[in-house]
Structures are given as structure tokens and as C-alpha cells.
Amino acid sequence: MADDTRPRALGFNHVALEVGDIEAALAFYGRLFAFELRSRSDTMAFIDLGDQFLALQKGRRQGADDGRHFGLVVDDTAAARRALEAAGVEILPGPFLDFYDPWGNRVEIVGYDIQFTKAPHVLRGMGLAHLGKTPGAIKELTEKGMAPA
């Protein structure tokens, strides 16, 4: 539609997770992942993801998520599995690397080699310029006119 004036959804700036306690949440996620903290207060903490962030917000009161989840992209899924196992976190059954945090937030671990892409300058700034894509991901990106240079 040429006259469509709706804004186009472009991606995610952040995902916010409700947790019971900020300090405990930072300790939990710190056992699993290397990360830098953007900022924090008594009720919020912001985990830096380059040009995005994960917001931890105090106040979770609802039960555990079921199918609702988000995919957290990591540089090494095997290392993520080892960290989950070492921390005693139950990996959920099924074809994906999913787990619940102590507050019932469901997280799916996804490797960087999928269709998801960070801009080269963002990867460089994160010290991750060496990460690449699978042939399947490159094919998907190419079909959309988004193949890496």
C-alpha cells in the first residue's frame, strides 16, 4: 500500500524481565554469562548487549512463563550449555536450549550463527568481529537482500 502511514517495526532495543530481586538476578545471570552492566538502581539493572540491552526489573509476581520466552543470542551455545549445567539450572526438554530463571522467565539460548545480525561496527566494539554465519543463515539473509558484505 503506497499510502500506508503505519510505522515499520525494526527490531528490539531491549527486553525487560521482571525478577524478585535485582542483586540475586545479577548474581544468577552472572554465573551463566559474561556481561557488562550499563547501570543499576534498587529496582532496575541494565545488562549491556552492544546496541541493545536486557533490563531486569524488580517486581515479578506472576507464575512461570509457559511458551512465552525470548531468544538470547550468545557467541557460544556449547559454553552456555556448560554454564547452565555447572550452575545446576535445568535445561527444558525439547529441541532448543531453553531454561527458566529463578523467577519463571523462560529464556531460549540461540547461537550468533543464525539469521540475527549485529552491524560490523557493533561486533567490533564488543570484541566479537570474529563471529560468522552458517551457510543457511547467509542464504536466508541473501534471499532478503541482507547478505553480509
N, C-alpha and C. Protein backbone atom coordinates (compact mmCIF):
# COMPACT_ATOMS: atom_id res chain seq x y z
N MET A 1 0.84 -1.18 0.00
CA MET A 1 0.00 0.00 0.00
C MET A 1 0.88 1.24 0.00
N ALA A 2 0.79 1.99 -1.04
CA ALA A 2 1.63 3.17 -1.19
C ALA A 2 1.31 4.25 -0.16
N ASP A 3 0.07 4.34 0.28
CA ASP A 3 -0.31 5.40 1.22
C ASP A 3 -0.31 4.93 2.68
N ASP A 4 0.30 3.80 2.97
CA ASP A 4 0.35 3.27 4.32
C ASP A 4 1.24 4.16 5.20
N THR A 5 0.69 4.69 6.27
CA THR A 5 1.44 5.59 7.14
C THR A 5 1.80 4.95 8.47
N ARG A 6 1.55 3.65 8.60
CA ARG A 6 1.92 2.97 9.85
C ARG A 6 3.44 2.90 9.98
N PRO A 7 3.98 3.02 11.18
CA PRO A 7 5.43 2.87 11.34
C PRO A 7 5.83 1.42 11.14
N ARG A 8 7.04 1.21 10.71
CA ARG A 8 7.55 -0.14 10.49
C ARG A 8 8.32 -0.59 11.72
N ALA A 9 7.99 -1.76 12.24
CA ALA A 9 8.74 -2.33 13.37
C ALA A 9 10.11 -2.75 12.86
N LEU A 10 11.17 -2.32 13.54
CA LEU A 10 12.53 -2.54 13.06
C LEU A 10 13.34 -3.54 13.88
N GLY A 11 12.96 -3.78 15.10
CA GLY A 11 13.73 -4.68 15.94
C GLY A 11 13.50 -4.35 17.40
N PHE A 12 14.37 -4.83 18.24
CA PHE A 12 14.24 -4.63 19.67
C PHE A 12 15.38 -3.80 20.22
N ASN A 13 15.04 -2.83 21.02
CA ASN A 13 16.03 -2.05 21.75
C ASN A 13 16.40 -2.79 23.02
N HIS A 14 15.38 -3.38 23.66
CA HIS A 14 15.63 -4.13 24.89
C HIS A 14 14.48 -5.10 25.16
N VAL A 15 14.75 -6.02 26.05
CA VAL A 15 13.75 -6.91 26.62
C VAL A 15 13.79 -6.68 28.11
N ALA A 16 12.63 -6.56 28.75
CA ALA A 16 12.57 -6.36 30.19
C ALA A 16 12.04 -7.62 30.86
N LEU A 17 12.75 -8.08 31.86
CA LEU A 17 12.35 -9.25 32.64
C LEU A 17 12.04 -8.81 34.06
N GLU A 18 10.92 -9.25 34.57
CA GLU A 18 10.61 -8.98 35.97
C GLU A 18 11.25 -10.07 36.82
N VAL A 19 11.93 -9.65 37.85
CA VAL A 19 12.62 -10.56 38.76
C VAL A 19 12.24 -10.21 40.19
N GLY A 20 12.50 -11.10 41.12
CA GLY A 20 12.16 -10.84 42.50
C GLY A 20 13.15 -9.94 43.21
N ASP A 21 14.41 -9.99 42.80
CA ASP A 21 15.47 -9.27 43.50
C ASP A 21 16.58 -8.94 42.49
N ILE A 22 16.96 -7.70 42.41
CA ILE A 22 17.96 -7.27 41.41
C ILE A 22 19.33 -7.90 41.69
N GLU A 23 19.78 -7.86 42.92
CA GLU A 23 21.10 -8.42 43.25
C GLU A 23 21.15 -9.92 42.96
N ALA A 24 20.09 -10.64 43.33
CA ALA A 24 20.04 -12.08 43.07
C ALA A 24 19.99 -12.36 41.56
N ALA A 25 19.27 -11.53 40.81
CA ALA A 25 19.18 -11.71 39.36
C ALA A 25 20.54 -11.47 38.70
N LEU A 26 21.25 -10.43 39.14
CA LEU A 26 22.59 -10.18 38.59
C LEU A 26 23.54 -11.32 38.93
N ALA A 27 23.43 -11.87 40.12
CA ALA A 27 24.27 -13.00 40.51
C ALA A 27 23.93 -14.23 39.66
N PHE A 28 22.64 -14.50 39.47
CA PHE A 28 22.22 -15.65 38.66
C PHE A 28 22.73 -15.52 37.23
N TYR A 29 22.40 -14.41 36.57
CA TYR A 29 22.82 -14.25 35.18
C TYR A 29 24.34 -14.13 35.06
N GLY A 30 25.00 -13.62 36.10
CA GLY A 30 26.46 -13.53 36.10
C GLY A 30 27.13 -14.88 36.18
N ARG A 31 26.46 -15.88 36.75
CA ARG A 31 27.00 -17.25 36.76
C ARG A 31 26.91 -17.88 35.38
N LEU A 32 25.99 -17.40 34.56
CA LEU A 32 25.75 -18.00 33.25
C LEU A 32 26.47 -17.30 32.11
N PHE A 33 26.56 -15.96 32.18
CA PHE A 33 27.04 -15.18 31.05
C PHE A 33 28.03 -14.13 31.48
N ALA A 34 29.01 -13.88 30.62
CA ALA A 34 29.90 -12.73 30.80
C ALA A 34 29.17 -11.51 30.26
N PHE A 35 29.06 -10.46 31.04
CA PHE A 35 28.38 -9.27 30.57
C PHE A 35 28.87 -8.05 31.32
N GLU A 36 28.58 -6.89 30.74
CA GLU A 36 28.85 -5.62 31.40
C GLU A 36 27.53 -5.00 31.80
N LEU A 37 27.54 -4.37 32.94
CA LEU A 37 26.34 -3.71 33.45
C LEU A 37 26.34 -2.27 32.95
N ARG A 38 25.26 -1.85 32.28
CA ARG A 38 25.14 -0.45 31.83
C ARG A 38 24.88 0.46 33.01
N SER A 39 23.92 0.07 33.83
CA SER A 39 23.59 0.85 35.02
C SER A 39 22.67 0.01 35.88
N ARG A 40 22.44 0.51 37.10
CA ARG A 40 21.54 -0.19 38.00
C ARG A 40 21.02 0.75 39.06
N SER A 41 19.91 0.36 39.65
CA SER A 41 19.34 1.05 40.81
C SER A 41 18.82 -0.04 41.73
N ASP A 42 18.07 0.34 42.73
CA ASP A 42 17.49 -0.65 43.64
C ASP A 42 16.42 -1.51 42.95
N THR A 43 15.81 -0.97 41.91
CA THR A 43 14.70 -1.67 41.27
C THR A 43 14.93 -2.06 39.82
N MET A 44 16.07 -1.65 39.24
CA MET A 44 16.36 -1.95 37.83
C MET A 44 17.85 -2.22 37.65
N ALA A 45 18.18 -3.06 36.67
CA ALA A 45 19.56 -3.25 36.23
C ALA A 45 19.52 -3.45 34.72
N PHE A 46 20.54 -2.94 34.05
CA PHE A 46 20.58 -2.98 32.60
C PHE A 46 21.85 -3.69 32.14
N ILE A 47 21.69 -4.88 31.56
CA ILE A 47 22.80 -5.68 31.06
C ILE A 47 23.06 -5.27 29.62
N ASP A 48 24.29 -4.85 29.34
CA ASP A 48 24.65 -4.35 28.02
C ASP A 48 24.75 -5.49 27.02
N LEU A 49 24.15 -5.31 25.85
CA LEU A 49 24.23 -6.25 24.73
C LEU A 49 24.68 -5.51 23.48
N GLY A 50 25.63 -4.62 23.63
CA GLY A 50 26.12 -3.83 22.50
C GLY A 50 25.17 -2.70 22.20
N ASP A 51 24.38 -2.83 21.12
CA ASP A 51 23.41 -1.80 20.76
C ASP A 51 22.02 -2.11 21.29
N GLN A 52 21.92 -3.08 22.19
CA GLN A 52 20.67 -3.47 22.82
C GLN A 52 20.96 -3.70 24.30
N PHE A 53 19.92 -3.98 25.09
CA PHE A 53 20.17 -4.34 26.48
C PHE A 53 19.05 -5.21 27.03
N LEU A 54 19.38 -5.90 28.10
CA LEU A 54 18.42 -6.69 28.85
C LEU A 54 18.15 -5.94 30.14
N ALA A 55 16.90 -5.57 30.36
CA ALA A 55 16.51 -4.84 31.57
C ALA A 55 15.95 -5.83 32.59
N LEU A 56 16.50 -5.80 33.78
CA LEU A 56 15.97 -6.59 34.88
C LEU A 56 15.21 -5.64 35.79
N GLN A 57 13.96 -5.95 36.05
CA GLN A 57 13.10 -5.04 36.80
C GLN A 57 12.53 -5.78 38.00
N LYS A 58 12.69 -5.23 39.17
CA LYS A 58 12.18 -5.84 40.39
C LYS A 58 10.65 -5.80 40.37
N GLY A 59 10.02 -6.91 40.79
CA GLY A 59 8.57 -6.88 40.93
C GLY A 59 7.83 -8.06 40.35
N ARG A 60 8.48 -9.14 40.01
CA ARG A 60 7.75 -10.28 39.43
C ARG A 60 6.80 -10.87 40.46
N ARG A 61 5.54 -11.02 40.06
CA ARG A 61 4.53 -11.59 40.95
C ARG A 61 3.76 -12.73 40.28
N GLN A 62 3.81 -12.85 38.98
CA GLN A 62 3.05 -13.88 38.28
C GLN A 62 3.81 -15.20 38.27
N GLY A 63 3.10 -16.26 37.88
CA GLY A 63 3.70 -17.58 37.78
C GLY A 63 4.69 -17.66 36.61
N ALA A 64 5.28 -18.83 36.49
CA ALA A 64 6.29 -19.06 35.44
C ALA A 64 5.66 -18.94 34.05
N ASP A 65 6.46 -18.47 33.10
CA ASP A 65 6.05 -18.42 31.71
C ASP A 65 5.93 -19.84 31.18
N ASP A 66 5.12 -20.02 30.16
CA ASP A 66 4.99 -21.33 29.54
C ASP A 66 5.68 -21.26 28.18
N GLY A 67 4.94 -20.93 27.15
CA GLY A 67 5.54 -20.79 25.83
C GLY A 67 6.19 -19.44 25.62
N ARG A 68 5.74 -18.42 26.37
CA ARG A 68 6.30 -17.08 26.20
C ARG A 68 7.76 -17.10 26.62
N HIS A 69 8.61 -16.60 25.75
CA HIS A 69 10.05 -16.60 26.01
C HIS A 69 10.71 -15.57 25.10
N PHE A 70 12.00 -15.39 25.27
CA PHE A 70 12.77 -14.60 24.31
C PHE A 70 14.03 -15.39 23.99
N GLY A 71 14.57 -15.15 22.80
CA GLY A 71 15.79 -15.82 22.37
C GLY A 71 16.98 -14.92 22.66
N LEU A 72 17.88 -15.38 23.52
CA LEU A 72 19.08 -14.64 23.86
C LEU A 72 20.23 -15.16 23.01
N VAL A 73 20.77 -14.32 22.15
CA VAL A 73 21.84 -14.72 21.24
C VAL A 73 23.16 -14.68 21.99
N VAL A 74 23.93 -15.77 21.87
CA VAL A 74 25.25 -15.88 22.51
C VAL A 74 26.29 -16.23 21.45
N ASP A 75 27.55 -16.01 21.81
CA ASP A 75 28.63 -16.33 20.88
C ASP A 75 28.98 -17.81 20.88
N ASP A 76 28.58 -18.57 21.90
CA ASP A 76 28.98 -19.97 22.02
C ASP A 76 27.89 -20.74 22.77
N THR A 77 27.06 -21.48 22.03
CA THR A 77 25.97 -22.21 22.68
C THR A 77 26.47 -23.37 23.53
N ALA A 78 27.56 -24.00 23.12
CA ALA A 78 28.11 -25.11 23.92
C ALA A 78 28.59 -24.58 25.28
N ALA A 79 29.23 -23.43 25.29
CA ALA A 79 29.67 -22.83 26.55
C ALA A 79 28.46 -22.44 27.40
N ALA A 80 27.38 -21.98 26.76
CA ALA A 80 26.16 -21.64 27.50
C ALA A 80 25.58 -22.89 28.15
N ARG A 81 25.55 -23.99 27.43
CA ARG A 81 25.04 -25.26 27.99
C ARG A 81 25.89 -25.67 29.19
N ARG A 82 27.20 -25.58 29.05
CA ARG A 82 28.09 -25.95 30.17
C ARG A 82 27.85 -25.06 31.38
N ALA A 83 27.67 -23.76 31.14
CA ALA A 83 27.42 -22.83 32.25
C ALA A 83 26.10 -23.14 32.94
N LEU A 84 25.07 -23.44 32.17
CA LEU A 84 23.78 -23.81 32.75
C LEU A 84 23.92 -25.07 33.61
N GLU A 85 24.60 -26.07 33.06
CA GLU A 85 24.79 -27.32 33.80
C GLU A 85 25.61 -27.09 35.07
N ALA A 86 26.69 -26.31 34.97
CA ALA A 86 27.54 -26.04 36.13
C ALA A 86 26.79 -25.29 37.22
N ALA A 87 25.83 -24.45 36.82
CA ALA A 87 25.04 -23.68 37.79
C ALA A 87 23.85 -24.48 38.32
N GLY A 88 23.67 -25.70 37.81
CA GLY A 88 22.56 -26.54 38.27
C GLY A 88 21.21 -26.10 37.73
N VAL A 89 21.22 -25.37 36.61
CA VAL A 89 19.97 -24.89 36.00
C VAL A 89 19.42 -26.00 35.11
N GLU A 90 18.15 -26.33 35.30
CA GLU A 90 17.52 -27.36 34.50
C GLU A 90 17.30 -26.86 33.07
N ILE A 91 17.78 -27.63 32.11
CA ILE A 91 17.54 -27.34 30.70
C ILE A 91 16.22 -28.01 30.35
N LEU A 92 15.31 -27.26 29.78
CA LEU A 92 13.97 -27.78 29.49
C LEU A 92 14.01 -28.79 28.36
N PRO A 93 13.14 -29.80 28.41
CA PRO A 93 13.12 -30.78 27.33
C PRO A 93 12.67 -30.14 26.02
N GLY A 94 13.11 -30.69 24.93
CA GLY A 94 12.74 -30.19 23.62
C GLY A 94 13.96 -29.93 22.77
N PRO A 95 13.73 -29.45 21.57
CA PRO A 95 14.83 -29.29 20.61
C PRO A 95 15.70 -28.06 20.83
N PHE A 96 15.31 -27.17 21.75
CA PHE A 96 16.02 -25.92 21.93
C PHE A 96 16.73 -25.89 23.29
N LEU A 97 17.60 -24.94 23.46
CA LEU A 97 18.33 -24.77 24.72
C LEU A 97 17.59 -23.73 25.55
N ASP A 98 16.52 -24.18 26.21
CA ASP A 98 15.65 -23.31 26.99
C ASP A 98 15.82 -23.60 28.48
N PHE A 99 15.63 -22.57 29.29
CA PHE A 99 15.65 -22.74 30.74
C PHE A 99 14.77 -21.66 31.37
N TYR A 100 14.43 -21.87 32.62
CA TYR A 100 13.74 -20.86 33.41
C TYR A 100 14.74 -20.22 34.37
N ASP A 101 14.66 -18.91 34.51
CA ASP A 101 15.44 -18.28 35.58
C ASP A 101 14.67 -18.49 36.89
N PRO A 102 15.24 -18.14 38.03
CA PRO A 102 14.57 -18.41 39.31
C PRO A 102 13.21 -17.74 39.47
N TRP A 103 12.86 -16.77 38.61
CA TRP A 103 11.60 -16.06 38.72
C TRP A 103 10.58 -16.51 37.69
N GLY A 104 10.91 -17.54 36.92
CA GLY A 104 9.98 -18.08 35.96
C GLY A 104 10.05 -17.48 34.57
N ASN A 105 11.04 -16.64 34.30
CA ASN A 105 11.23 -16.12 32.95
C ASN A 105 11.87 -17.22 32.10
N ARG A 106 11.25 -17.51 30.97
CA ARG A 106 11.77 -18.56 30.08
C ARG A 106 12.71 -17.92 29.07
N VAL A 107 13.90 -18.49 28.97
CA VAL A 107 14.94 -17.97 28.08
C VAL A 107 15.35 -19.08 27.12
N GLU A 108 15.46 -18.74 25.85
CA GLU A 108 16.00 -19.68 24.84
C GLU A 108 17.36 -19.16 24.40
N ILE A 109 18.36 -20.01 24.50
CA ILE A 109 19.72 -19.65 24.07
C ILE A 109 19.84 -19.94 22.58
N VAL A 110 20.31 -18.96 21.83
CA VAL A 110 20.44 -19.06 20.38
C VAL A 110 21.86 -18.65 19.99
N GLY A 111 22.49 -19.38 19.08
CA GLY A 111 23.83 -19.05 18.62
C GLY A 111 23.82 -17.90 17.63
N TYR A 112 24.91 -17.15 17.60
CA TYR A 112 25.01 -15.99 16.70
C TYR A 112 24.95 -16.39 15.23
N ASP A 113 25.27 -17.63 14.91
CA ASP A 113 25.37 -18.05 13.51
C ASP A 113 24.03 -18.14 12.78
N ILE A 114 22.94 -17.77 13.44
CA ILE A 114 21.62 -17.77 12.79
C ILE A 114 21.43 -16.48 11.99
N GLN A 115 20.21 -16.24 11.54
CA GLN A 115 19.91 -15.07 10.70
C GLN A 115 20.11 -13.74 11.43
N PHE A 116 19.97 -13.70 12.73
CA PHE A 116 20.21 -12.49 13.52
C PHE A 116 21.59 -11.92 13.22
N THR A 117 21.69 -10.61 13.06
CA THR A 117 22.96 -9.99 12.72
C THR A 117 23.16 -8.68 13.49
N LYS A 118 24.35 -8.52 14.02
CA LYS A 118 24.78 -7.24 14.58
C LYS A 118 25.58 -6.53 13.49
N ALA A 119 25.49 -5.22 13.44
CA ALA A 119 26.28 -4.45 12.48
C ALA A 119 27.76 -4.69 12.76
N PRO A 120 28.59 -4.73 11.72
CA PRO A 120 30.02 -5.00 11.92
C PRO A 120 30.68 -4.07 12.94
N HIS A 121 30.31 -2.79 12.94
CA HIS A 121 30.94 -1.87 13.89
C HIS A 121 30.50 -2.16 15.32
N VAL A 122 29.30 -2.70 15.51
CA VAL A 122 28.85 -3.07 16.86
C VAL A 122 29.61 -4.32 17.31
N LEU A 123 29.73 -5.32 16.43
CA LEU A 123 30.51 -6.51 16.78
C LEU A 123 31.95 -6.14 17.13
N ARG A 124 32.53 -5.27 16.33
CA ARG A 124 33.91 -4.84 16.59
C ARG A 124 34.02 -4.20 17.96
N GLY A 125 33.09 -3.32 18.29
CA GLY A 125 33.08 -2.66 19.58
C GLY A 125 32.89 -3.61 20.74
N MET A 126 32.22 -4.74 20.48
CA MET A 126 32.01 -5.75 21.51
C MET A 126 33.15 -6.75 21.59
N GLY A 127 34.15 -6.61 20.67
CA GLY A 127 35.26 -7.56 20.63
C GLY A 127 34.86 -8.90 20.03
N LEU A 128 33.85 -8.91 19.16
CA LEU A 128 33.33 -10.15 18.59
C LEU A 128 33.34 -10.16 17.06
N ALA A 129 34.25 -9.43 16.46
CA ALA A 129 34.29 -9.33 15.00
C ALA A 129 34.56 -10.68 14.33
N HIS A 130 35.04 -11.66 15.06
CA HIS A 130 35.35 -12.98 14.51
C HIS A 130 34.11 -13.86 14.28
N LEU A 131 32.96 -13.47 14.82
CA LEU A 131 31.77 -14.31 14.68
C LEU A 131 31.28 -14.33 13.24
N GLY A 132 30.80 -15.49 12.81
CA GLY A 132 30.31 -15.64 11.45
C GLY A 132 28.94 -16.28 11.41
N LYS A 133 28.49 -16.54 10.21
CA LYS A 133 27.16 -17.10 9.95
C LYS A 133 27.27 -18.47 9.30
N THR A 134 26.26 -19.31 9.51
CA THR A 134 26.18 -20.59 8.81
C THR A 134 25.77 -20.33 7.37
N PRO A 135 26.05 -21.27 6.46
CA PRO A 135 25.57 -21.11 5.08
C PRO A 135 24.06 -20.92 5.01
N GLY A 136 23.30 -21.61 5.87
CA GLY A 136 21.86 -21.46 5.87
C GLY A 136 21.43 -20.06 6.25
N ALA A 137 22.09 -19.48 7.24
CA ALA A 137 21.76 -18.12 7.65
C ALA A 137 22.11 -17.13 6.55
N ILE A 138 23.26 -17.33 5.90
CA ILE A 138 23.66 -16.45 4.80
C ILE A 138 22.65 -16.54 3.66
N LYS A 139 22.16 -17.77 3.38
CA LYS A 139 21.15 -17.96 2.33
C LYS A 139 19.88 -17.19 2.69
N GLU A 140 19.41 -17.31 3.94
CA GLU A 140 18.21 -16.59 4.37
C GLU A 140 18.39 -15.08 4.24
N LEU A 141 19.54 -14.59 4.68
CA LEU A 141 19.82 -13.16 4.59
C LEU A 141 19.91 -12.71 3.14
N THR A 142 20.53 -13.52 2.28
CA THR A 142 20.67 -13.19 0.87
C THR A 142 19.29 -13.09 0.20
N GLU A 143 18.42 -14.02 0.55
CA GLU A 143 17.07 -14.00 -0.03
C GLU A 143 16.29 -12.74 0.35
N LYS A 144 16.65 -12.13 1.45
CA LYS A 144 16.02 -10.89 1.90
C LYS A 144 16.79 -9.64 1.46
N GLY A 145 17.88 -9.85 0.72
CA GLY A 145 18.72 -8.71 0.31
C GLY A 145 19.56 -8.17 1.46
N MET A 146 19.87 -9.01 2.44
CA MET A 146 20.59 -8.56 3.64
C MET A 146 21.87 -9.35 3.87
N ALA A 147 22.45 -9.91 2.82
CA ALA A 147 23.65 -10.73 3.00
C ALA A 147 24.81 -9.89 3.49
N PRO A 148 25.66 -10.48 4.36
CA PRO A 148 26.84 -9.74 4.81
C PRO A 148 27.79 -9.46 3.65
N ALA A 149 28.49 -8.35 3.73
CA ALA A 149 29.41 -7.98 2.65
C ALA A 149 30.64 -8.84 2.66
